[in-house]
Protein backbone atom coordinates (compact mmCIF):
# COMPACT_ATOMS: atom_id res chain seq x y z
CA MET A 1 7.43 -8.58 39.50
CA LEU A 2 8.48 -10.82 36.52
CA SER A 3 5.81 -13.33 37.38
CA ARG A 4 3.19 -10.59 37.69
CA PHE A 5 4.22 -9.10 34.39
CA VAL A 6 4.19 -12.55 32.59
CA THR A 7 0.67 -13.25 34.04
CA ASN A 8 -0.69 -9.86 32.82
CA PHE A 9 1.11 -10.36 29.47
CA ILE A 10 -0.53 -13.77 28.79
CA SER A 11 -3.98 -12.75 29.88
CA SER A 12 -3.82 -9.47 27.87
CA PHE A 13 -2.61 -11.25 24.83
CA ILE A 14 -5.43 -13.79 24.91
CA ILE A 15 -8.09 -11.21 25.47
CA LEU A 16 -6.78 -8.85 22.73
CA MET A 17 -6.33 -11.72 20.34
CA PHE A 18 -9.99 -12.75 20.77
CA ILE A 19 -11.01 -9.15 20.18
CA PHE A 20 -9.02 -8.89 16.98
CA ILE A 21 -10.29 -12.34 15.79
CA PHE A 22 -13.89 -11.20 16.27
CA GLN A 23 -13.04 -7.98 14.34
CA THR A 24 -11.60 -10.07 11.53
CA ILE A 25 -14.74 -12.23 11.44
CA TRP A 26 -16.81 -9.01 11.16
CA LEU A 27 -14.68 -7.76 8.22
CA PHE A 28 -14.86 -11.17 6.40
CA ILE A 29 -18.51 -11.95 7.19
CA ASP A 30 -19.61 -11.07 3.69
CA ASP A 31 -17.14 -13.60 2.26
CA PHE A 32 -18.11 -16.39 4.55
CA ALA A 33 -21.92 -15.98 5.04
CA GLY A 34 -24.19 -17.78 2.58
CA LYS A 35 -21.49 -19.31 0.44
CA GLY A 36 -21.55 -22.89 1.71
CA LEU A 37 -18.17 -22.87 3.46
CA ASP A 38 -17.95 -25.42 6.30
CA VAL A 39 -16.70 -24.68 9.79
CA VAL A 40 -13.29 -26.40 9.19
CA ILE A 41 -12.42 -24.11 6.24
CA ILE A 42 -13.48 -21.00 8.20
CA GLY A 43 -11.42 -22.22 11.23
CA LYS A 44 -8.31 -22.81 9.03
CA PHE A 45 -8.67 -19.34 7.54
CA LEU A 46 -8.89 -17.74 11.06
CA LEU A 47 -6.00 -19.88 12.29
CA TYR A 48 -3.75 -18.83 9.45
CA LEU A 49 -4.74 -15.10 10.05
CA MET A 50 -3.62 -15.27 13.71
CA PRO A 51 0.04 -14.77 13.04
CA ASP A 52 -0.70 -11.69 10.99
CA LEU A 53 -2.92 -10.38 13.80
CA THR A 54 -0.09 -10.90 16.21
CA GLU A 55 1.76 -8.05 14.46
CA LYS A 56 -0.94 -5.78 15.91
CA VAL A 57 -1.72 -7.54 19.15
CA LEU A 58 1.82 -7.89 20.48
CA PRO A 59 2.77 -4.23 20.78
CA LEU A 60 -0.56 -3.41 22.36
CA THR A 61 -0.10 -6.36 24.80
CA VAL A 62 3.34 -5.17 25.85
CA LEU A 63 2.06 -1.61 26.49
CA LEU A 64 -1.02 -2.80 28.37
CA SER A 65 0.65 -5.41 30.49
CA SER A 66 3.48 -3.01 31.49
CA ILE A 67 0.95 -0.29 32.50
CA LEU A 68 -1.07 -2.88 34.50
CA THR A 69 1.94 -4.28 36.31
CA PHE A 70 3.64 -1.08 37.30
CA GLY A 71 0.31 0.73 37.95
CA THR A 72 -0.63 -1.99 40.43
CA PHE A 73 2.79 -1.89 42.17
CA ALA A 74 2.57 1.91 42.36
CA GLU A 75 -1.00 1.85 43.59
CA ASN A 76 -0.11 -0.50 46.43
CA TYR A 77 2.95 1.61 47.40
CA GLU A 78 5.29 -1.29 46.63
CA PHE A 79 7.64 1.03 44.68
CA ALA A 80 7.83 3.30 47.75
CA ALA A 81 8.86 0.24 49.84
CA MET A 82 11.46 -0.67 47.27
CA LYS A 83 12.89 2.80 47.21
CA ALA A 84 12.98 2.87 51.05
CA SER A 85 14.93 -0.34 50.85
CA GLY A 86 17.44 1.16 48.43
CA ILE A 87 16.04 -0.59 45.34
CA SER A 88 15.81 1.86 42.37
CA LEU A 89 13.30 1.75 39.60
CA GLN A 90 16.00 0.68 37.13
CA ARG A 91 17.01 -2.27 39.31
CA ALA A 92 13.37 -3.27 39.75
CA MET A 93 12.84 -3.21 35.97
CA LEU A 94 16.03 -5.19 35.22
CA SER A 95 14.40 -8.65 35.02
CA LEU A 96 11.61 -7.24 32.86
CA ILE A 97 14.02 -5.51 30.52
CA VAL A 98 15.75 -8.81 29.95
CA PHE A 99 12.48 -10.53 29.34
CA VAL A 100 11.21 -7.82 26.97
CA THR A 101 14.54 -7.94 25.10
CA VAL A 102 14.24 -11.63 24.60
CA LEU A 103 10.61 -11.18 23.51
CA GLY A 104 11.85 -8.70 20.90
CA GLY A 105 14.16 -11.27 19.49
CA VAL A 106 11.31 -13.87 19.45
CA THR A 107 9.04 -11.37 17.71
CA PHE A 108 11.63 -10.78 14.98
CA PHE A 109 11.92 -14.60 14.42
CA PHE A 110 8.06 -14.70 14.35
CA ALA A 111 7.85 -11.91 11.83
CA ASN A 112 10.70 -13.37 9.74
CA SER A 113 9.48 -17.03 9.70
CA VAL A 114 5.93 -17.61 10.91
CA ILE A 115 4.12 -14.62 9.33
CA PRO A 116 5.43 -15.25 5.81
CA ALA A 117 4.49 -19.01 6.11
CA SER A 118 0.89 -18.12 7.36
CA GLN A 119 0.49 -15.62 4.44
CA ARG A 120 1.42 -18.53 1.99
CA LYS A 121 -1.01 -20.73 3.75
CA ILE A 122 -3.83 -18.19 3.35
CA TYR A 123 -3.03 -17.84 -0.30
CA ASN A 124 -3.11 -21.53 -0.91
CA LEU A 125 -6.35 -21.88 1.03
CA ARG A 126 -7.98 -19.14 -1.08
CA LYS A 127 -6.78 -20.75 -4.23
CA ASN A 128 -8.03 -24.22 -3.25
CA ILE A 129 -11.44 -22.86 -2.25
CA ALA A 130 -11.68 -21.14 -5.60
CA GLN A 131 -10.61 -24.24 -7.57
CA VAL A 132 -12.69 -26.82 -5.74
CA LYS A 133 -15.65 -24.63 -4.99
CA PRO A 134 -15.65 -21.50 -7.20
CA ALA A 135 -19.34 -20.83 -6.49
CA ALA A 136 -18.30 -19.87 -3.00
CA ILE A 137 -17.09 -16.55 -4.44
CA ILE A 138 -20.59 -15.79 -5.81
CA GLY A 139 -23.36 -14.90 -3.46
CA GLU A 140 -27.06 -15.32 -4.14
CA GLY A 141 -29.08 -12.21 -4.89
CA VAL A 142 -26.16 -9.77 -4.83
CA PHE A 143 -23.46 -8.75 -7.35
CA SER A 144 -20.08 -10.33 -6.57
CA ASP A 145 -16.82 -9.29 -8.10
CA PHE A 146 -15.39 -12.14 -10.12
CA GLU A 147 -12.11 -11.39 -12.08
CA GLY A 148 -13.10 -8.07 -13.65
CA MET A 149 -16.80 -8.88 -13.80
CA SER A 150 -19.78 -8.47 -11.48
CA ILE A 151 -21.96 -11.59 -11.36
CA LYS A 152 -25.35 -11.94 -9.86
CA VAL A 153 -27.36 -15.21 -9.56
CA ASP A 154 -30.83 -15.87 -8.12
CA GLU A 155 -30.12 -19.39 -6.96
CA LYS A 156 -27.35 -21.93 -6.72
CA SER A 157 -27.78 -25.69 -6.66
CA GLY A 158 -26.16 -29.01 -7.28
CA GLU A 159 -22.71 -30.41 -6.09
CA ASN A 160 -20.54 -27.56 -4.82
CA ASP A 161 -23.27 -25.14 -5.92
CA LYS A 162 -22.02 -25.25 -9.53
CA PHE A 163 -25.46 -24.85 -11.21
CA LEU A 164 -26.66 -21.26 -11.47
CA LYS A 165 -30.03 -19.77 -12.23
CA ASN A 166 -30.83 -16.40 -13.77
CA VAL A 167 -27.32 -15.17 -14.32
CA ILE A 168 -26.54 -11.50 -14.86
CA ILE A 169 -22.98 -10.47 -15.74
CA HIS A 170 -21.54 -6.95 -16.09
CA GLU A 171 -18.14 -6.93 -17.84
CA LYS A 172 -15.79 -3.99 -17.39
CA ASN A 173 -13.31 -2.62 -19.84
CA PRO A 174 -9.68 -1.64 -18.78
CA LEU A 175 -10.97 1.77 -17.70
CA ASN A 176 -13.32 -0.02 -15.26
CA VAL A 177 -16.38 1.06 -17.20
CA ASN A 178 -19.32 -1.33 -17.66
CA ILE A 179 -19.97 -1.64 -21.35
CA THR A 180 -21.15 -5.28 -21.62
CA VAL A 181 -24.13 -7.01 -20.10
CA ILE A 182 -24.78 -10.76 -20.37
CA LYS A 183 -28.02 -12.37 -19.25
CA ALA A 184 -28.72 -16.09 -19.20
CA LYS A 185 -31.43 -18.34 -17.74
CA LYS A 186 -28.94 -21.04 -16.58
CA GLY A 187 -25.23 -21.30 -15.89
CA GLU A 188 -22.72 -23.88 -14.82
CA LEU A 189 -19.24 -23.49 -13.15
CA ILE A 190 -16.68 -26.14 -14.32
CA SER A 191 -13.39 -26.37 -12.52
CA SER A 192 -10.71 -28.82 -11.42
CA GLU A 193 -7.81 -28.88 -8.98
CA GLU A 194 -5.29 -29.42 -11.78
CA SER A 195 -6.31 -26.35 -13.72
CA GLU A 196 -6.26 -22.68 -12.88
CA ILE A 197 -8.94 -21.92 -15.45
CA ILE A 198 -12.70 -21.90 -14.54
CA GLN A 199 -15.28 -22.30 -17.30
CA LEU A 200 -18.59 -20.56 -16.91
CA VAL A 201 -20.95 -22.15 -19.36
CA LEU A 202 -24.16 -20.11 -19.97
CA THR A 203 -27.23 -21.32 -21.79
CA ASP A 204 -30.24 -19.60 -23.36
CA GLY A 205 -29.25 -15.98 -22.97
CA HIS A 206 -28.63 -12.55 -24.50
CA TYR A 207 -25.54 -10.45 -25.01
CA TYR A 208 -25.52 -6.59 -24.99
CA ARG A 209 -22.46 -4.39 -25.70
CA ASP A 210 -22.11 -0.61 -26.08
CA VAL A 211 -20.27 0.39 -29.27
CA GLN A 212 -17.60 2.98 -28.67
CA SER A 213 -17.67 5.45 -31.50
CA LYS A 214 -14.99 8.08 -32.19
CA LYS A 215 -17.40 10.52 -33.81
CA ASN A 216 -19.32 12.92 -31.62
CA ASP A 217 -22.58 12.78 -33.62
CA LYS A 218 -22.67 8.97 -33.38
CA LYS A 219 -21.95 9.01 -29.67
CA LEU A 220 -25.19 10.85 -29.05
CA ARG A 221 -27.15 7.95 -30.64
CA TYR A 222 -25.72 5.47 -28.08
CA PRO A 223 -25.13 2.58 -30.49
CA PHE A 224 -24.98 -0.95 -29.13
CA ALA A 225 -24.68 -4.56 -30.37
CA LYS A 226 -27.08 -7.32 -29.36
CA ALA A 227 -26.98 -11.02 -29.88
CA SER A 228 -28.74 -14.17 -28.61
CA PHE A 229 -27.09 -17.48 -27.82
CA ASP A 230 -27.92 -20.98 -26.92
CA THR A 231 -24.53 -21.72 -25.28
CA TYR A 232 -21.83 -19.20 -24.30
CA THR A 233 -18.55 -20.18 -22.55
CA ILE A 234 -16.39 -17.81 -20.60
CA ASN A 235 -12.85 -18.82 -19.44
CA MET A 236 -11.67 -17.19 -16.27
CA GLU A 237 -8.64 -17.45 -14.13
CA VAL A 238 -8.96 -18.76 -10.59
CA PRO A 239 -10.21 -15.89 -8.44
CA GLU A 240 -9.28 -15.32 -4.82
CA LEU A 241 -11.44 -15.19 -1.70
CA ASN A 242 -11.88 -11.52 -0.58
CA ASN A 243 -9.77 -10.11 -3.32
CA GLN A 244 -8.78 -6.91 -1.50
CA ASP A 245 -5.00 -6.87 -2.36
CA LEU A 246 -4.69 -7.55 -6.03
CA GLU A 247 -0.95 -7.87 -6.07
CA ALA A 248 -0.93 -10.22 -3.11
CA ASP A 249 -3.57 -12.48 -4.66
CA ARG A 250 -2.00 -12.70 -8.09
CA ASP A 251 1.57 -13.04 -7.13
CA VAL A 252 2.53 -16.06 -4.93
CA SER A 253 5.83 -14.45 -4.00
CA THR A 254 4.68 -11.16 -2.55
CA ASP A 255 6.57 -9.12 0.00
CA LYS A 256 4.49 -10.41 2.89
CA MET A 257 5.44 -14.01 2.05
CA LYS A 258 9.25 -13.41 2.09
CA ASN A 259 11.83 -13.50 4.89
CA VAL A 260 14.73 -11.06 5.37
CA SER A 261 17.23 -12.85 3.15
CA ARG A 262 14.70 -13.23 0.32
CA LEU A 263 13.61 -9.64 0.67
CA ASN A 264 17.18 -8.35 0.45
CA LYS A 265 17.77 -10.44 -2.64
CA ASP A 266 14.62 -9.27 -4.36
CA ILE A 267 15.16 -5.65 -3.43
CA ASP A 268 18.51 -5.71 -5.26
CA SER A 269 17.02 -7.52 -8.29
CA LEU A 270 14.08 -5.04 -8.39
CA LYS A 271 16.40 -2.08 -8.22
CA LYS A 272 18.52 -3.41 -11.06
CA ASP A 273 15.42 -4.23 -13.21
CA ASN A 274 13.89 -0.79 -12.63
CA TYR A 275 17.21 0.95 -13.53
CA ARG A 276 17.56 -1.19 -16.72
CA ILE A 277 13.86 -0.49 -17.78
CA VAL A 278 14.30 3.27 -17.23
CA LYS A 279 17.60 3.26 -19.04
CA ALA A 280 16.25 1.35 -22.03
CA PHE A 281 13.18 3.60 -22.26
CA SER A 282 15.19 6.78 -22.11
CA LYS A 283 17.44 5.45 -24.79
CA ASN A 284 14.42 4.56 -26.93
CA ILE A 285 12.96 8.05 -26.54
CA SER A 286 16.32 9.63 -27.34
CA ASN A 287 16.60 7.62 -30.56
CA ARG A 288 13.02 8.59 -31.60
CA ILE A 289 13.66 12.29 -31.24
CA GLY A 290 17.21 12.08 -32.61
CA LEU A 291 18.68 13.68 -29.48
CA PHE A 292 22.24 12.46 -30.06
CA SER A 293 22.16 12.18 -33.90
CA LYS A 294 25.10 13.62 -35.76
CA VAL A 295 24.31 16.55 -37.99
CA LYS A 296 26.27 17.05 -41.15
CA PRO A 297 27.86 20.53 -41.37
CA MET A 298 26.46 22.95 -43.92
CA ASP A 299 28.46 23.63 -47.02
CA SER A 300 29.23 27.10 -48.27
CA THR A 301 26.24 27.32 -50.67
CA ILE A 302 23.74 26.45 -47.99
CA LYS A 303 25.24 29.03 -45.65
CA ILE A 304 24.87 31.72 -48.35
CA ARG A 305 21.19 30.76 -48.88
CA VAL A 306 20.47 30.93 -45.13
CA ALA A 307 22.26 34.37 -44.92
CA GLU A 308 20.12 35.62 -47.84
CA LYS A 309 16.96 34.34 -46.17
CA LYS A 310 17.84 36.13 -42.95
CA GLN A 311 18.38 39.39 -44.79
CA PHE A 312 15.09 38.96 -46.51
CA LEU A 313 13.25 38.42 -43.22
CA GLU A 314 14.84 41.43 -41.68
CA LYS A 315 13.75 43.61 -44.52
CA ASN A 316 10.17 42.43 -44.91
CA LYS A 317 9.45 41.27 -41.31
CA ASN A 318 6.46 39.41 -42.65
CA LYS A 319 6.21 35.79 -41.28
CA ASP A 320 2.71 35.15 -42.49
CA SER A 321 3.75 34.96 -46.14
CA LEU A 322 5.83 31.85 -45.34
CA LEU A 323 2.73 29.85 -44.49
CA SER A 324 0.01 28.61 -46.83
CA ALA A 325 -3.43 29.84 -46.57
CA ASN A 326 -4.74 26.46 -45.07
CA ALA A 327 -2.02 26.13 -42.47
CA ASN A 328 -2.39 26.87 -38.82
CA PRO A 329 -0.56 30.04 -37.78
CA ILE A 330 2.75 29.15 -36.11
CA ASP A 331 5.12 31.54 -34.47
CA ILE A 332 8.48 31.23 -36.30
CA ASN A 333 11.65 32.94 -35.16
CA ALA A 334 14.45 33.93 -37.47
CA GLU A 335 16.69 31.33 -35.81
CA ASP A 336 14.31 28.52 -36.99
CA PHE A 337 15.13 29.21 -40.59
CA GLU A 338 18.68 27.88 -40.24
CA ILE A 339 17.06 24.57 -41.24
CA LEU A 340 13.58 25.53 -42.46
CA SER A 341 15.03 27.94 -45.11
CA LEU A 342 16.23 24.88 -47.07
CA TYR A 343 12.62 23.89 -47.86
CA GLU A 344 9.73 25.27 -49.78
CA ASP A 345 6.90 27.09 -47.91
CA TRP A 346 4.40 24.15 -48.04
CA GLN A 347 7.17 21.78 -46.87
CA LYS A 348 7.89 24.05 -43.88
CA VAL A 349 4.25 23.71 -42.63
CA GLN A 350 4.38 19.96 -43.01
CA ILE A 351 7.68 19.75 -41.11
CA LEU A 352 6.31 21.85 -38.19
CA ASN A 353 3.00 19.85 -38.04
CA SER A 354 4.95 16.58 -38.14
CA ALA A 355 7.15 17.76 -35.28
CA LYS A 356 4.12 18.76 -33.31
CA ASN A 357 2.46 15.28 -33.81
CA ASN A 358 5.73 13.42 -32.97
CA THR A 359 5.98 15.49 -29.73
CA ALA A 360 2.40 14.55 -28.82
CA ASN A 361 3.01 10.84 -29.55
CA ILE A 362 6.18 10.85 -27.41
CA LEU A 363 4.40 12.52 -24.54
CA ASN A 364 1.65 9.86 -24.70
CA THR A 365 4.25 7.14 -24.73
CA VAL A 366 6.03 8.65 -21.72
CA LYS A 367 2.67 8.97 -19.90
CA GLY A 368 1.89 5.30 -20.45
CA LYS A 369 5.34 4.16 -19.43
CA LYS A 370 5.16 6.38 -16.33
CA GLU A 371 2.24 4.30 -14.97
CA GLU A 372 4.18 1.06 -15.44
CA ILE A 373 7.27 2.47 -13.72
CA GLN A 374 5.20 3.81 -10.87
CA LYS A 375 3.80 0.34 -10.29
CA ARG A 376 7.26 -1.19 -10.26
CA ILE A 377 8.53 1.45 -7.93
CA LYS A 378 5.53 0.75 -5.59
CA ILE A 379 6.39 -2.88 -5.43
CA TYR A 380 10.08 -1.94 -4.79
CA ASN A 381 8.94 0.32 -1.92
CA LEU A 382 6.69 -2.43 -0.51
CA HIS A 383 9.67 -4.75 -0.28
CA ILE A 384 11.80 -2.22 1.55
CA LEU A 385 8.81 -1.41 3.81
CA SER A 386 8.23 -5.09 4.67
CA LEU A 387 11.97 -5.62 5.42
CA HIS A 388 12.23 -2.80 7.85
CA LYS A 389 8.90 -3.48 9.45
CA LYS A 390 10.27 -6.78 10.71
CA TYR A 391 12.99 -5.04 12.59
CA ALA A 392 10.69 -2.25 13.74
CA LEU A 393 8.20 -4.66 15.18
CA ALA A 394 10.88 -6.25 17.39
CA PHE A 395 12.18 -2.85 18.57
CA SER A 396 8.68 -1.55 19.15
CA CYS A 397 8.05 -4.20 21.88
CA VAL A 398 11.09 -2.87 23.81
CA ILE A 399 10.32 0.78 23.26
CA LEU A 400 6.55 0.50 24.18
CA PHE A 401 7.64 -1.31 27.41
CA PHE A 402 9.68 1.77 28.36
CA VAL A 403 6.53 3.88 27.53
CA GLY A 404 4.11 1.75 29.53
CA ALA A 405 6.22 0.77 32.55
CA PRO A 406 7.09 4.34 33.71
CA LEU A 407 3.60 5.49 32.77
CA GLY A 408 2.03 2.91 35.08
CA ALA A 409 4.41 4.03 37.86
CA ILE A 410 3.41 7.62 37.29
CA ILE A 411 -0.41 7.24 37.17
CA ARG A 412 -0.35 4.77 40.11
CA LYS A 413 -3.52 3.01 38.98
CA GLY A 414 -4.06 -0.73 38.44
CA GLY A 415 -6.91 -2.70 36.98
CA LEU A 416 -8.55 -2.58 33.54
CA GLY A 417 -10.07 0.93 33.76
CA LEU A 418 -7.64 3.83 33.21
CA PRO A 419 -4.66 1.75 32.24
CA MET A 420 -6.72 0.19 29.39
CA VAL A 421 -7.91 3.52 28.17
CA ILE A 422 -4.37 5.00 28.16
CA ALA A 423 -2.92 1.96 26.50
CA ILE A 424 -5.57 2.07 23.74
CA ILE A 425 -5.02 5.81 23.11
CA LEU A 426 -1.19 5.38 22.91
CA PHE A 427 -1.57 2.29 20.68
CA LEU A 428 -3.96 4.06 18.34
CA ILE A 429 -1.48 6.94 17.98
CA TYR A 430 1.33 4.43 17.34
CA TYR A 431 -0.80 2.38 14.95
CA PHE A 432 -2.26 5.19 12.85
CA ILE A 433 1.09 6.88 12.48
CA GLY A 434 2.44 3.62 11.15
CA VAL A 435 -0.49 3.20 8.81
CA PHE A 436 -0.27 6.73 7.33
CA ALA A 437 3.50 6.52 7.07
CA GLY A 438 3.28 3.18 5.37
CA ASN A 439 0.73 4.45 2.80
CA TYR A 440 2.89 7.47 1.98
CA SER A 441 6.02 5.30 1.59
CA LYS A 442 4.23 2.94 -0.74
CA GLU A 443 3.44 5.83 -3.07
CA GLY A 444 6.95 7.13 -2.83
CA ASN A 445 6.03 10.30 -0.98
CA ILE A 446 8.49 9.44 1.85
CA ASN A 447 11.30 7.02 2.16
CA PRO A 448 9.99 3.52 2.89
CA ILE A 449 12.65 3.08 5.61
CA ILE A 450 11.21 6.18 7.38
CA GLY A 451 7.72 4.85 6.86
CA ALA A 452 8.60 1.59 8.66
CA TRP A 453 10.31 3.24 11.62
CA LEU A 454 8.41 6.50 12.09
CA SER A 455 5.86 5.35 14.68
CA THR A 456 8.55 3.52 16.68
CA LEU A 457 10.93 6.55 16.58
CA ILE A 458 8.10 8.81 17.74
CA MET A 459 7.48 6.58 20.74
CA LEU A 460 11.24 6.53 21.60
CA PRO A 461 11.57 10.10 22.97
CA LEU A 462 8.24 9.57 24.83
CA GLY A 463 9.66 6.55 26.50
CA ILE A 464 12.86 8.31 27.50
CA PHE A 465 10.90 11.25 28.88
CA LEU A 466 8.52 9.10 30.98
CA THR A 467 11.38 6.92 32.22
CA ARG A 468 13.29 9.99 33.46
CA ARG A 469 10.22 11.37 35.21
CA ALA A 470 9.37 8.04 36.84
CA THR A 471 13.02 7.65 38.00
CA ALA A 472 12.93 11.11 39.53
CA ASP A 473 9.62 10.17 41.21
CA LYS A 474 7.76 13.02 39.36
CA GLY A 475 4.12 12.96 38.40
CA MET A 476 2.40 13.52 35.12
CA LEU A 477 3.35 16.38 32.89
CA ASN A 478 2.58 19.77 34.35
CA ILE A 479 2.93 22.56 31.83
CA GLY A 480 2.69 25.29 34.43
CA GLY A 481 5.38 23.66 36.64
CA ILE A 482 7.69 23.20 33.64
CA ILE A 483 7.43 26.88 32.75
CA ILE A 484 8.01 27.94 36.38
CA ASP A 485 11.02 25.60 36.59
CA PHE A 486 12.44 27.01 33.39
CA PHE A 487 12.27 30.62 34.50
CA LYS A 488 13.65 29.66 37.94
CA LYS A 489 16.75 28.14 36.17
CA VAL A 490 17.13 31.24 33.98
CA PHE A 491 16.99 33.68 36.96
CA THR A 492 19.28 31.50 39.01
CA LYS A 493 21.92 31.55 36.23
CA LYS A 494 21.61 35.40 35.94
CA ASN A 495 22.03 35.79 39.69
CA LYS A 496 25.11 33.66 39.78
CA THR A 497 26.55 35.61 36.82
CA SER A 498 25.93 38.97 38.53
CA VAL A 499 27.51 37.84 41.84
CA SER A 500 30.63 36.52 40.15
């Protein structure tokens, strides 16, 4: 049984790995095709991606190989022969349980050591490609994203395709709006391995830029600035190949590149930094609004003036007379004049307008700081998610074995037909639950620990349920039979109670 399982495991792993590699090639075909990358670079890129693909292939391999092995044994009535000889299903699975447990430990080592190293290799390879051959990022005849810009060229030539012809550049502002267009007849990319800056030298071109006006009447005229140039140089940081994950491409020490010890250390430091930043910001806001400022007590003359002002308000009950004719109407309560009564009428309007403006400024400051804190919290959640995913991946191999093995014994079908379909359906459920839970945990909607373990914990009761049914030699789930058995148990208990 162990040899049959290992054979199915190796063959399933190879087949599924090839399928996922071809899927990766399909996803990255736009970044490889027509950019002058040789076969060696593409082969290295795919080789470094294989450990990351193993994170998806391995759980599916365990599930499929267990269904295939136990389905074949059950189809050939070998389990019936074992039970007739006094060998239970648990005893038959013992060697495989030991093997899968060891496989879980190896998987954890792989996720803790090999996958972070491969992610760093991928980063370095992208960086080297961009430094040595930056034109590989730019395709001919299409717009390519290039560090906050969209660049289109008609033709590339020369060594490493560094000479460009008919260059069109759309620059975007921080709001991701295209407000600048640059056109040039020729361009040249200048780079070196020692520098992380790439120079794009444009010659014989024009520069167009929309002018952002604050007045509404001028906005309707769509003003813009135009200039011509003989030579125009743009300095850019080294871009990354297939820049899908901005944080991963800009930061060498991302969560995917760290092992357990490094993740634990960085989680503590990130937590302390976030707490320090929030505390400093709250203290700054408190000082700006004077939240904890000490107020001098009023002397007796001021108290008399405030009491007289209250009496005046109660008699006249006319609040509009306290505001100037040009001031905006503001609802003022009698309690507000504890302080406002110390000032003249025109000063009261200035104080209230100033308070309103200060409140608006503070709200804008809080809104801007909120985005920064949310990004920091997202990075913190990503580190916790990556840490627990390493443990969850190891446990998922064991749990999915206890799902696939009894399921194969129940369906009693070998081969790559029905077992493959069932394995893919169960894996898709497992995978998509993990993806949705991971995305929710990144945004802080759920705890990142739950996000890492949710798909594995959902498969756990399914594995227990299927193992119990396979041990009791029961078939697939029958809703009608379960309902009948439930009512039989209920009526049996009632009969025993009435007899006693």
